[in-house]
Amino acid sequence: MAAPLPICYLNGTYLPLAEARVSPLDRAFLFADAVYEVMPVYARRPFRFVAHCERLARSLGELGMADPYSRDQWHGMIATLIERNAPHNPEPHLYVYWQVSRGAQFGRNHAPLPDIERTVFAFCSPLVLPDAAALERGVSCVTVADNRWGRCDIKSTALLANILLRDKAAAAGASEAILLREGQLTEGSASAVHVVLNGVLITPERSSQVLPGLTRGALEKMAQRAGIPSRDAPVSEAELRQASEVMLSAATREVIAVTALDGAPVGSGRPGPVWRALHQELQRYKAELSGKPW
């Protein structure tokens, strides 16, 4: 990952990221009592801004918090943050990370949940997408037992299990850990997982065990545009291993083919035709949105 850009936002102020300070009593620090979003920005235009705001509000609601900002306030803050970092960004694209914590409470109390001022933080980083050679290689993945908590649908900062699972993949020389729970595919440690079975793009059903990925949603739209049949359905481990294509989708890597799984080739061992069609359609869609209001 590229180093972050120098200007951040913290509780109403734009300041150098290196100088930003949060109380050690902030509940995000003590309890991971916070939610976040990661949004790609293509040529200074955020991608699926409204959907990101809606998911943030949903995650906050699941934690019993109201969204501290209006849609217009989020829009203004993010636009200003992008503008202030633009001169420092060597890449054509970037991503915005923004986080809402319940706030800093004087003390450490599990309950009741305090009604205190929220901590709002955001920063940007260059978005370095896979180049053509990397896209043609695809990525290798390993399967790992999904031992995360039971509310993976909340985009919480409580990511320790995800980090440990991703580290297992890194130790195996793989790009991602594909997670299995009771013989069923859930998702990746930091991505949605899609399989192609008999020409149909299938993604595990939305549930409390799966994050409602926004790149996943974009990919479903691309499938419709490209005339590729798709559906949400359970995917067994056997179906995962028999799939003609497997692919990952995530905000910071768009969609990329999985060409090896646990050391065995996926399909032909090269990116397949469904992945190619979806990737091409996504690039066309991004070009269509360029310069339009967000």
C-alpha atoms as a PDB file:
ATOM      1  CA  MET A   1       0.000   0.000   0.000  1.00  0.00           C
ATOM      2  CA  ALA A   2       1.166   3.530  -0.769  1.00  0.00           C
ATOM      3  CA  ALA A   3       1.977   5.953   2.040  1.00  0.00           C
ATOM      4  CA  PRO A   4      -0.977   8.148   3.015  1.00  0.00           C
ATOM      5  CA  LEU A   5      -1.283  11.704   1.763  1.00  0.00           C
ATOM      6  CA  PRO A   6      -0.290  14.443   4.205  1.00  0.00           C
ATOM      7  CA  ILE A   7      -3.579  16.197   5.050  1.00  0.00           C
ATOM      8  CA  CYS A   8      -6.257  14.597   7.217  1.00  0.00           C
ATOM      9  CA  TYR A   9      -9.530  15.661   8.792  1.00  0.00           C
ATOM     10  CA  LEU A  10     -10.176  15.376  12.518  1.00  0.00           C
ATOM     11  CA  ASN A  11     -13.238  16.719  14.309  1.00  0.00           C
ATOM     12  CA  GLY A  12     -13.803  19.717  12.080  1.00  0.00           C
ATOM     13  CA  THR A  13     -10.171  20.580  11.355  1.00  0.00           C
ATOM     14  CA  TYR A  14      -7.906  19.859   8.384  1.00  0.00           C
ATOM     15  CA  LEU A  15      -4.351  19.328   9.574  1.00  0.00           C
ATOM     16  CA  PRO A  16      -1.152  17.410   8.816  1.00  0.00           C
ATOM     17  CA  LEU A  17      -1.756  13.716   9.366  1.00  0.00           C
ATOM     18  CA  ALA A  18       1.526  13.450  11.279  1.00  0.00           C
ATOM     19  CA  GLU A  19       0.192  15.945  13.818  1.00  0.00           C
ATOM     20  CA  ALA A  20      -3.272  14.449  14.349  1.00  0.00           C
ATOM     21  CA  ARG A  21      -3.966  13.353  17.925  1.00  0.00           C
ATOM     22  CA  VAL A  22      -6.854  11.416  19.480  1.00  0.00           C
ATOM     23  CA  SER A  23      -7.459  10.808  23.179  1.00  0.00           C
ATOM     24  CA  PRO A  24      -6.196   7.445  24.461  1.00  0.00           C
ATOM     25  CA  LEU A  25      -9.588   7.186  26.142  1.00  0.00           C
ATOM     26  CA  ASP A  26     -11.384   7.234  22.807  1.00  0.00           C
ATOM     27  CA  ARG A  27     -13.616   4.182  22.655  1.00  0.00           C
ATOM     28  CA  ALA A  28     -12.267   3.308  19.204  1.00  0.00           C
ATOM     29  CA  PHE A  29      -8.861   2.859  20.854  1.00  0.00           C
ATOM     30  CA  LEU A  30     -10.162   0.993  23.916  1.00  0.00           C
ATOM     31  CA  PHE A  31     -12.994  -1.083  22.454  1.00  0.00           C
ATOM     32  CA  ALA A  32     -12.957  -0.741  18.635  1.00  0.00           C
ATOM     33  CA  ASP A  33     -16.277   1.052  19.224  1.00  0.00           C
ATOM     34  CA  ALA A  34     -16.259   2.633  15.771  1.00  0.00           C
ATOM     35  CA  VAL A  35     -17.182   2.100  12.137  1.00  0.00           C
ATOM     36  CA  TYR A  36     -15.479   3.145   8.931  1.00  0.00           C
ATOM     37  CA  GLU A  37     -15.677   3.369   5.149  1.00  0.00           C
ATOM     38  CA  VAL A  38     -13.098   3.079   2.351  1.00  0.00           C
ATOM     39  CA  MET A  39     -14.118   4.732  -0.918  1.00  0.00           C
ATOM     40  CA  PRO A  40     -12.176   4.823  -4.192  1.00  0.00           C
ATOM     41  CA  VAL A  41     -11.825   8.166  -5.936  1.00  0.00           C
ATOM     42  CA  TYR A  42     -11.199   8.109  -9.683  1.00  0.00           C
ATOM     43  CA  ALA A  43      -9.790  11.316 -11.213  1.00  0.00           C
ATOM     44  CA  ARG A  44     -10.988  13.208  -8.111  1.00  0.00           C
ATOM     45  CA  ARG A  45     -14.539  11.836  -8.380  1.00  0.00           C
ATOM     46  CA  PRO A  46     -15.649   9.578  -5.483  1.00  0.00           C
ATOM     47  CA  PHE A  47     -17.148   6.268  -6.594  1.00  0.00           C
ATOM     48  CA  ARG A  48     -20.560   5.345  -5.139  1.00  0.00           C
ATOM     49  CA  PHE A  49     -20.511   8.119  -2.539  1.00  0.00           C
ATOM     50  CA  VAL A  50     -24.217   7.844  -1.717  1.00  0.00           C
ATOM     51  CA  ALA A  51     -23.983   4.083  -1.191  1.00  0.00           C
ATOM     52  CA  HIS A  52     -21.002   4.564   1.125  1.00  0.00           C
ATOM     53  CA  CYS A  53     -22.941   7.098   3.185  1.00  0.00           C
ATOM     54  CA  GLU A  54     -25.889   4.736   3.405  1.00  0.00           C
ATOM     55  CA  ARG A  55     -23.691   1.851   4.554  1.00  0.00           C
ATOM     56  CA  LEU A  56     -21.963   4.066   7.122  1.00  0.00           C
ATOM     57  CA  ALA A  57     -25.337   5.132   8.533  1.00  0.00           C
ATOM     58  CA  ARG A  58     -26.446   1.505   8.684  1.00  0.00           C
ATOM     59  CA  SER A  59     -23.287   0.416  10.514  1.00  0.00           C
ATOM     60  CA  LEU A  60     -23.672   3.300  12.965  1.00  0.00           C
ATOM     61  CA  GLY A  61     -27.283   2.348  13.546  1.00  0.00           C
ATOM     62  CA  GLU A  62     -26.307  -1.232  14.353  1.00  0.00           C
ATOM     63  CA  LEU A  63     -24.008   0.212  17.042  1.00  0.00           C
ATOM     64  CA  GLY A  64     -26.761   2.434  18.378  1.00  0.00           C
ATOM     65  CA  MET A  65     -25.268   5.659  17.018  1.00  0.00           C
ATOM     66  CA  ALA A  66     -26.830   8.313  14.825  1.00  0.00           C
ATOM     67  CA  ASP A  67     -24.793   9.606  11.909  1.00  0.00           C
ATOM     68  CA  PRO A  68     -23.061  12.762  13.221  1.00  0.00           C
ATOM     69  CA  TYR A  69     -23.046  14.458   9.797  1.00  0.00           C
ATOM     70  CA  SER A  70     -25.618  15.085   7.114  1.00  0.00           C
ATOM     71  CA  ARG A  71     -25.051  13.852   3.559  1.00  0.00           C
ATOM     72  CA  ASP A  72     -24.099  17.393   2.523  1.00  0.00           C
ATOM     73  CA  GLN A  73     -21.602  17.670   5.378  1.00  0.00           C
ATOM     74  CA  TRP A  74     -19.925  14.411   4.375  1.00  0.00           C
ATOM     75  CA  HIS A  75     -19.842  15.607   0.772  1.00  0.00           C
ATOM     76  CA  GLY A  76     -18.221  18.892   1.718  1.00  0.00           C
ATOM     77  CA  MET A  77     -15.660  17.355   4.037  1.00  0.00           C
ATOM     78  CA  ILE A  78     -14.589  14.693   1.537  1.00  0.00           C
ATOM     79  CA  ALA A  79     -14.455  17.167  -1.365  1.00  0.00           C
ATOM     80  CA  THR A  80     -12.231  19.493   0.654  1.00  0.00           C
ATOM     81  CA  LEU A  81      -9.986  16.661   1.794  1.00  0.00           C
ATOM     82  CA  ILE A  82      -9.505  15.487  -1.792  1.00  0.00           C
ATOM     83  CA  GLU A  83      -8.807  19.054  -2.938  1.00  0.00           C
ATOM     84  CA  ARG A  84      -6.209  19.708  -0.259  1.00  0.00           C
ATOM     85  CA  ASN A  85      -4.369  16.479  -0.962  1.00  0.00           C
ATOM     86  CA  ALA A  86      -4.482  16.701  -4.753  1.00  0.00           C
ATOM     87  CA  PRO A  87      -1.127  18.525  -5.094  1.00  0.00           C
ATOM     88  CA  HIS A  88       0.582  15.769  -3.076  1.00  0.00           C
ATOM     89  CA  ASN A  89      -0.816  12.785  -4.978  1.00  0.00           C
ATOM     90  CA  PRO A  90       1.473  11.319  -7.673  1.00  0.00           C
ATOM     91  CA  GLU A  91      -1.190   8.824  -8.734  1.00  0.00           C
ATOM     92  CA  PRO A  92      -4.276   9.617 -10.857  1.00  0.00           C
ATOM     93  CA  HIS A  93      -6.582   8.091  -8.267  1.00  0.00           C
ATOM     94  CA  LEU A  94      -6.840   7.835  -4.489  1.00  0.00           C
ATOM     95  CA  TYR A  95      -9.045   6.422  -1.785  1.00  0.00           C
ATOM     96  CA  VAL A  96     -10.654   8.067   1.215  1.00  0.00           C
ATOM     97  CA  TYR A  97     -10.802   6.347   4.594  1.00  0.00           C
ATOM     98  CA  TRP A  98     -13.257   7.824   7.067  1.00  0.00           C
ATOM     99  CA  GLN A  99     -14.173   6.676  10.539  1.00  0.00           C
ATOM    100  CA  VAL A 100     -16.699   7.545  13.226  1.00  0.00           C
ATOM    101  CA  SER A 101     -15.959   6.576  16.821  1.00  0.00           C
ATOM    102  CA  ARG A 102     -18.442   6.767  19.666  1.00  0.00           C
ATOM    103  CA  GLY A 103     -16.004   9.253  21.177  1.00  0.00           C
ATOM    104  CA  ALA A 104     -13.711   9.792  24.152  1.00  0.00           C
ATOM    105  CA  GLN A 105     -15.204   9.009  27.555  1.00  0.00           C
ATOM    106  CA  PHE A 106     -13.346   9.856  30.763  1.00  0.00           C
ATOM    107  CA  GLY A 107     -12.882   6.330  32.014  1.00  0.00           C
ATOM    108  CA  ARG A 108     -13.327   2.816  30.705  1.00  0.00           C
ATOM    109  CA  ASN A 109     -16.876   1.566  30.986  1.00  0.00           C
ATOM    110  CA  HIS A 110     -18.408  -1.299  29.049  1.00  0.00           C
ATOM    111  CA  ALA A 111     -21.987  -0.172  29.641  1.00  0.00           C
ATOM    112  CA  PRO A 112     -24.234   1.677  29.465  1.00  0.00           C
ATOM    113  CA  LEU A 113     -23.132   3.135  26.165  1.00  0.00           C
ATOM    114  CA  PRO A 114     -22.358   6.815  26.747  1.00  0.00           C
ATOM    115  CA  ASP A 115     -23.956   9.700  24.878  1.00  0.00           C
ATOM    116  CA  ILE A 116     -20.787  11.652  24.118  1.00  0.00           C
ATOM    117  CA  GLU A 117     -19.371  13.663  21.228  1.00  0.00           C
ATOM    118  CA  ARG A 118     -18.325  11.511  18.281  1.00  0.00           C
ATOM    119  CA  THR A 119     -14.771  11.402  16.960  1.00  0.00           C
ATOM    120  CA  VAL A 120     -14.694  11.842  13.167  1.00  0.00           C
ATOM    121  CA  PHE A 121     -11.458  11.155  11.305  1.00  0.00           C
ATOM    122  CA  ALA A 122     -10.575  10.882   7.620  1.00  0.00           C
ATOM    123  CA  PHE A 123      -7.483  10.649   5.453  1.00  0.00           C
ATOM    124  CA  CYS A 124      -6.536   9.895   1.842  1.00  0.00           C
ATOM    125  CA  SER A 125      -4.012   7.597   0.224  1.00  0.00           C
ATOM    126  CA  PRO A 126      -2.994   7.003  -3.393  1.00  0.00           C
ATOM    127  CA  LEU A 127      -5.017   4.244  -5.020  1.00  0.00           C
ATOM    128  CA  VAL A 128      -2.533   2.025  -6.833  1.00  0.00           C
ATOM    129  CA  LEU A 129      -4.557  -0.458  -8.864  1.00  0.00           C
ATOM    130  CA  PRO A 130      -3.099  -3.697 -10.305  1.00  0.00           C
ATOM    131  CA  ASP A 131      -1.282  -3.054 -13.561  1.00  0.00           C
ATOM    132  CA  ALA A 132      -1.937  -4.969 -16.773  1.00  0.00           C
ATOM    133  CA  ALA A 133       0.673  -7.627 -15.999  1.00  0.00           C
ATOM    134  CA  ALA A 134      -0.772  -8.233 -12.525  1.00  0.00           C
ATOM    135  CA  LEU A 135      -4.279  -8.471 -13.943  1.00  0.00           C
ATOM    136  CA  GLU A 136      -3.109 -11.063 -16.474  1.00  0.00           C
ATOM    137  CA  ARG A 137      -1.424 -13.136 -13.753  1.00  0.00           C
ATOM    138  CA  GLY A 138      -4.315 -12.971 -11.370  1.00  0.00           C
ATOM    139  CA  VAL A 139      -3.695 -13.774  -7.721  1.00  0.00           C
ATOM    140  CA  SER A 140      -3.200 -16.871  -5.626  1.00  0.00           C
ATOM    141  CA  CYS A 141      -5.332 -17.441  -2.548  1.00  0.00           C
ATOM    142  CA  VAL A 142      -5.595 -19.925   0.299  1.00  0.00           C
ATOM    143  CA  THR A 143      -8.697 -21.146   2.100  1.00  0.00           C
ATOM    144  CA  VAL A 144      -8.918 -20.570   5.847  1.00  0.00           C
ATOM    145  CA  ALA A 145     -11.594 -21.337   8.445  1.00  0.00           C
ATOM    146  CA  ASP A 146     -13.738 -18.263   9.079  1.00  0.00           C
ATOM    147  CA  ASN A 147     -13.452 -17.635  12.826  1.00  0.00           C
ATOM    148  CA  ARG A 148     -14.630 -14.015  12.875  1.00  0.00           C
ATOM    149  CA  TRP A 149     -17.412 -12.679  15.086  1.00  0.00           C
ATOM    150  CA  GLY A 150     -21.068 -13.028  14.190  1.00  0.00           C
ATOM    151  CA  ARG A 151     -21.727  -9.497  12.866  1.00  0.00           C
ATOM    152  CA  CYS A 152     -19.502  -9.240   9.811  1.00  0.00           C
ATOM    153  CA  ASP A 153     -22.232  -7.150   8.138  1.00  0.00           C
ATOM    154  CA  ILE A 154     -21.186  -4.189  10.311  1.00  0.00           C
ATOM    155  CA  LYS A 155     -18.181  -2.351   8.874  1.00  0.00           C
ATOM    156  CA  SER A 156     -16.564  -2.089  12.280  1.00  0.00           C
ATOM    157  CA  THR A 157     -12.963  -1.232  13.084  1.00  0.00           C
ATOM    158  CA  ALA A 158     -12.830  -4.498  15.090  1.00  0.00           C
ATOM    159  CA  LEU A 159     -10.695  -6.213  12.433  1.00  0.00           C
ATOM    160  CA  LEU A 160      -8.266  -8.293  14.475  1.00  0.00           C
ATOM    161  CA  ALA A 161      -9.632 -11.606  13.185  1.00  0.00           C
ATOM    162  CA  ASN A 162      -9.454 -10.353   9.594  1.00  0.00           C
ATOM    163  CA  ILE A 163      -5.871  -9.222  10.091  1.00  0.00           C
ATOM    164  CA  LEU A 164      -4.799 -12.573  11.525  1.00  0.00           C
ATOM    165  CA  LEU A 165      -6.516 -14.427   8.677  1.00  0.00           C
ATOM    166  CA  ARG A 166      -4.869 -12.192   6.084  1.00  0.00           C
ATOM    167  CA  ASP A 167      -1.521 -12.779   7.788  1.00  0.00           C
ATOM    168  CA  LYS A 168      -1.988 -16.533   7.320  1.00  0.00           C
ATOM    169  CA  ALA A 169      -2.382 -15.897   3.603  1.00  0.00           C
ATOM    170  CA  ALA A 170       0.723 -13.717   3.527  1.00  0.00           C
ATOM    171  CA  ALA A 171       2.716 -16.383   5.340  1.00  0.00           C
ATOM    172  CA  ALA A 172       1.663 -18.856   2.634  1.00  0.00           C
ATOM    173  CA  GLY A 173       2.734 -16.458  -0.121  1.00  0.00           C
ATOM    174  CA  ALA A 174      -0.871 -15.802  -1.115  1.00  0.00           C
ATOM    175  CA  SER A 175      -2.687 -12.563  -1.854  1.00  0.00           C
ATOM    176  CA  GLU A 176      -5.859 -13.244   0.122  1.00  0.00           C
ATOM    177  CA  ALA A 177      -7.487 -15.645   2.560  1.00  0.00           C
ATOM    178  CA  ILE A 178     -10.777 -17.022   1.242  1.00  0.00           C
ATOM    179  CA  LEU A 179     -12.952 -17.901   4.213  1.00  0.00           C
ATOM    180  CA  LEU A 180     -15.038 -21.013   4.783  1.00  0.00           C
ATOM    181  CA  ARG A 181     -17.552 -21.484   7.578  1.00  0.00           C
ATOM    182  CA  GLU A 182     -19.153 -24.908   8.099  1.00  0.00           C
ATOM    183  CA  GLY A 183     -18.335 -25.922   4.531  1.00  0.00           C
ATOM    184  CA  GLN A 184     -19.716 -22.734   2.964  1.00  0.00           C
ATOM    185  CA  LEU A 185     -17.933 -19.808   1.336  1.00  0.00           C
ATOM    186  CA  THR A 186     -18.408 -16.486   3.134  1.00  0.00           C
ATOM    187  CA  GLU A 187     -15.930 -13.936   1.732  1.00  0.00           C
ATOM    188  CA  GLY A 188     -12.265 -12.947   1.787  1.00  0.00           C
ATOM    189  CA  SER A 189     -10.490 -11.419   4.756  1.00  0.00           C
ATOM    190  CA  ALA A 190     -10.737  -8.033   2.986  1.00  0.00           C
ATOM    191  CA  SER A 191     -12.796  -8.694  -0.136  1.00  0.00           C
ATOM    192  CA  ALA A 192     -15.935 -10.239  -1.557  1.00  0.00           C
ATOM    193  CA  VAL A 193     -15.525 -13.544  -3.394  1.00  0.00           C
ATOM    194  CA  HIS A 194     -17.407 -14.434  -6.570  1.00  0.00           C
ATOM    195  CA  VAL A 195     -17.440 -17.754  -8.429  1.00  0.00           C
ATOM    196  CA  VAL A 196     -18.531 -18.729 -11.915  1.00  0.00           C
ATOM    197  CA  LEU A 197     -20.483 -21.980 -12.176  1.00  0.00           C
ATOM    198  CA  ASN A 198     -21.942 -23.017 -15.537  1.00  0.00           C
ATOM    199  CA  GLY A 199     -21.504 -19.484 -16.830  1.00  0.00           C
ATOM    200  CA  VAL A 200     -23.373 -17.870 -13.912  1.00  0.00           C
ATOM    201  CA  LEU A 201     -21.692 -15.385 -11.573  1.00  0.00           C
ATOM    202  CA  ILE A 202     -22.582 -16.424  -8.029  1.00  0.00           C
ATOM    203  CA  THR A 203     -21.848 -14.518  -4.835  1.00  0.00           C
ATOM    204  CA  PRO A 204     -22.671 -15.809  -1.331  1.00  0.00           C
ATOM    205  CA  GLU A 205     -25.984 -14.541  -0.022  1.00  0.00           C
ATOM    206  CA  ARG A 206     -26.023 -11.394   2.088  1.00  0.00           C
ATOM    207  CA  SER A 207     -26.193 -12.207   5.783  1.00  0.00           C
ATOM    208  CA  SER A 208     -24.720 -11.246   9.151  1.00  0.00           C
ATOM    209  CA  GLN A 209     -21.646 -13.292   8.183  1.00  0.00           C
ATOM    210  CA  VAL A 210     -20.859 -11.221   5.088  1.00  0.00           C
ATOM    211  CA  LEU A 211     -20.078  -7.518   4.642  1.00  0.00           C
ATOM    212  CA  PRO A 212     -22.431  -5.807   2.171  1.00  0.00           C
ATOM    213  CA  GLY A 213     -19.563  -4.908  -0.161  1.00  0.00           C
ATOM    214  CA  LEU A 214     -20.089  -1.912  -2.412  1.00  0.00           C
ATOM    215  CA  THR A 215     -17.636  -3.080  -5.059  1.00  0.00           C
ATOM    216  CA  ARG A 216     -19.578  -6.345  -4.946  1.00  0.00           C
ATOM    217  CA  GLY A 217     -22.715  -4.342  -5.678  1.00  0.00           C
ATOM    218  CA  ALA A 218     -20.998  -2.539  -8.534  1.00  0.00           C
ATOM    219  CA  LEU A 219     -19.881  -5.861  -9.976  1.00  0.00           C
ATOM    220  CA  GLU A 220     -23.443  -7.164  -9.935  1.00  0.00           C
ATOM    221  CA  LYS A 221     -24.461  -4.076 -11.903  1.00  0.00           C
ATOM    222  CA  MET A 222     -21.615  -4.687 -14.361  1.00  0.00           C
ATOM    223  CA  ALA A 223     -22.810  -8.259 -14.869  1.00  0.00           C
ATOM    224  CA  GLN A 224     -26.258  -6.959 -15.778  1.00  0.00           C
ATOM    225  CA  ARG A 225     -24.767  -4.448 -18.222  1.00  0.00           C
ATOM    226  CA  ALA A 226     -22.588  -7.139 -19.801  1.00  0.00           C
ATOM    227  CA  GLY A 227     -25.447  -9.643 -20.095  1.00  0.00           C
ATOM    228  CA  ILE A 228     -23.832 -12.093 -17.655  1.00  0.00           C
ATOM    229  CA  PRO A 229     -26.349 -14.017 -15.539  1.00  0.00           C
ATOM    230  CA  SER A 230     -25.727 -13.551 -11.825  1.00  0.00           C
ATOM    231  CA  ARG A 231     -27.345 -14.346  -8.522  1.00  0.00           C
ATOM    232  CA  ASP A 232     -26.750 -14.473  -4.783  1.00  0.00           C
ATOM    233  CA  ALA A 233     -26.737 -18.050  -3.534  1.00  0.00           C
ATOM    234  CA  PRO A 234     -24.923 -20.320  -1.079  1.00  0.00           C
ATOM    235  CA  VAL A 235     -21.573 -21.560  -2.398  1.00  0.00           C
ATOM    236  CA  SER A 236     -20.197 -24.781  -0.943  1.00  0.00           C
ATOM    237  CA  GLU A 237     -16.513 -25.514  -0.586  1.00  0.00           C
ATOM    238  CA  ALA A 238     -16.850 -28.140  -3.323  1.00  0.00           C
ATOM    239  CA  GLU A 239     -18.423 -25.573  -5.677  1.00  0.00           C
ATOM    240  CA  LEU A 240     -15.673 -23.084  -4.882  1.00  0.00           C
ATOM    241  CA  ARG A 241     -13.032 -25.633  -5.845  1.00  0.00           C
ATOM    242  CA  GLN A 242     -14.923 -26.713  -8.984  1.00  0.00           C
ATOM    243  CA  ALA A 243     -15.646 -23.194 -10.243  1.00  0.00           C
ATOM    244  CA  SER A 244     -14.418 -22.294 -13.716  1.00  0.00           C
ATOM    245  CA  GLU A 245     -13.558 -18.831 -12.407  1.00  0.00           C
ATOM    246  CA  VAL A 246     -13.090 -17.245  -8.980  1.00  0.00           C
ATOM    247  CA  MET A 247     -12.588 -13.531  -8.453  1.00  0.00           C
ATOM    248  CA  LEU A 248     -12.204 -10.994  -5.672  1.00  0.00           C
ATOM    249  CA  SER A 249     -13.776  -7.553  -5.491  1.00  0.00           C
ATOM    250  CA  ALA A 250     -12.732  -4.759  -3.137  1.00  0.00           C
ATOM    251  CA  ALA A 251     -12.554  -0.978  -3.106  1.00  0.00           C
ATOM    252  CA  THR A 252      -8.767  -0.877  -3.354  1.00  0.00           C
ATOM    253  CA  ARG A 253      -8.345  -3.548  -6.044  1.00  0.00           C
ATOM    254  CA  GLU A 254     -11.613  -3.387  -8.015  1.00  0.00           C
ATOM    255  CA  VAL A 255     -12.048  -6.921  -9.410  1.00  0.00           C
ATOM    256  CA  ILE A 256      -9.206  -9.360  -9.917  1.00  0.00           C
ATOM    257  CA  ALA A 257      -9.151 -13.004 -10.961  1.00  0.00           C
ATOM    258  CA  VAL A 258      -8.048 -15.772  -8.598  1.00  0.00           C
ATOM    259  CA  THR A 259      -5.891 -18.066 -10.716  1.00  0.00           C
ATOM    260  CA  ALA A 260      -4.675 -20.436  -7.987  1.00  0.00           C
ATOM    261  CA  LEU A 261      -6.384 -21.706  -4.847  1.00  0.00           C
ATOM    262  CA  ASP A 262      -4.473 -23.679  -2.230  1.00  0.00           C
ATOM    263  CA  GLY A 263      -1.792 -24.318  -4.835  1.00  0.00           C
ATOM    264  CA  ALA A 264      -4.175 -25.716  -7.468  1.00  0.00           C
ATOM    265  CA  PRO A 265      -5.121 -23.810 -10.635  1.00  0.00           C
ATOM    266  CA  VAL A 266      -8.576 -22.266 -10.861  1.00  0.00           C
ATOM    267  CA  GLY A 267     -10.081 -23.268 -14.197  1.00  0.00           C
ATOM    268  CA  SER A 268      -7.385 -22.874 -16.844  1.00  0.00           C
ATOM    269  CA  GLY A 269      -5.083 -21.167 -14.367  1.00  0.00           C
ATOM    270  CA  ARG A 270      -5.563 -17.842 -16.163  1.00  0.00           C
ATOM    271  CA  PRO A 271      -8.144 -15.064 -15.863  1.00  0.00           C
ATOM    272  CA  GLY A 272     -11.350 -16.205 -17.535  1.00  0.00           C
ATOM    273  CA  PRO A 273     -13.870 -14.622 -19.922  1.00  0.00           C
ATOM    274  CA  VAL A 274     -16.391 -13.618 -17.257  1.00  0.00           C
ATOM    275  CA  TRP A 275     -13.735 -11.750 -15.276  1.00  0.00           C
ATOM    276  CA  ARG A 276     -12.534 -10.033 -18.473  1.00  0.00           C
ATOM    277  CA  ALA A 277     -16.034  -8.896 -19.385  1.00  0.00           C
ATOM    278  CA  LEU A 278     -16.722  -7.571 -15.877  1.00  0.00           C
ATOM    279  CA  HIS A 279     -13.392  -5.766 -15.623  1.00  0.00           C
ATOM    280  CA  GLN A 280     -13.856  -4.130 -19.024  1.00  0.00           C
ATOM    281  CA  GLU A 281     -17.421  -3.112 -18.213  1.00  0.00           C
ATOM    282  CA  LEU A 282     -16.293  -1.562 -14.922  1.00  0.00           C
ATOM    283  CA  GLN A 283     -13.690   0.539 -16.755  1.00  0.00           C
ATOM    284  CA  ARG A 284     -16.366   1.728 -19.208  1.00  0.00           C
ATOM    285  CA  TYR A 285     -18.693   2.579 -16.340  1.00  0.00           C
ATOM    286  CA  LYS A 286     -15.998   4.596 -14.569  1.00  0.00           C
ATOM    287  CA  ALA A 287     -15.321   6.518 -17.795  1.00  0.00           C
ATOM    288  CA  GLU A 288     -19.049   7.296 -18.130  1.00  0.00           C
ATOM    289  CA  LEU A 289     -19.123   8.761 -14.613  1.00  0.00           C
ATOM    290  CA  SER A 290     -16.057  10.947 -15.097  1.00  0.00           C
ATOM    291  CA  GLY A 291     -16.855  14.596 -14.501  1.00  0.00           C
ATOM    292  CA  LYS A 292     -20.425  13.939 -13.375  1.00  0.00           C
ATOM    293  CA  PRO A 293     -21.770  15.153 -10.006  1.00  0.00           C
ATOM    294  CA  TRP A 294     -21.339  12.714  -7.135  1.00  0.00           C
END
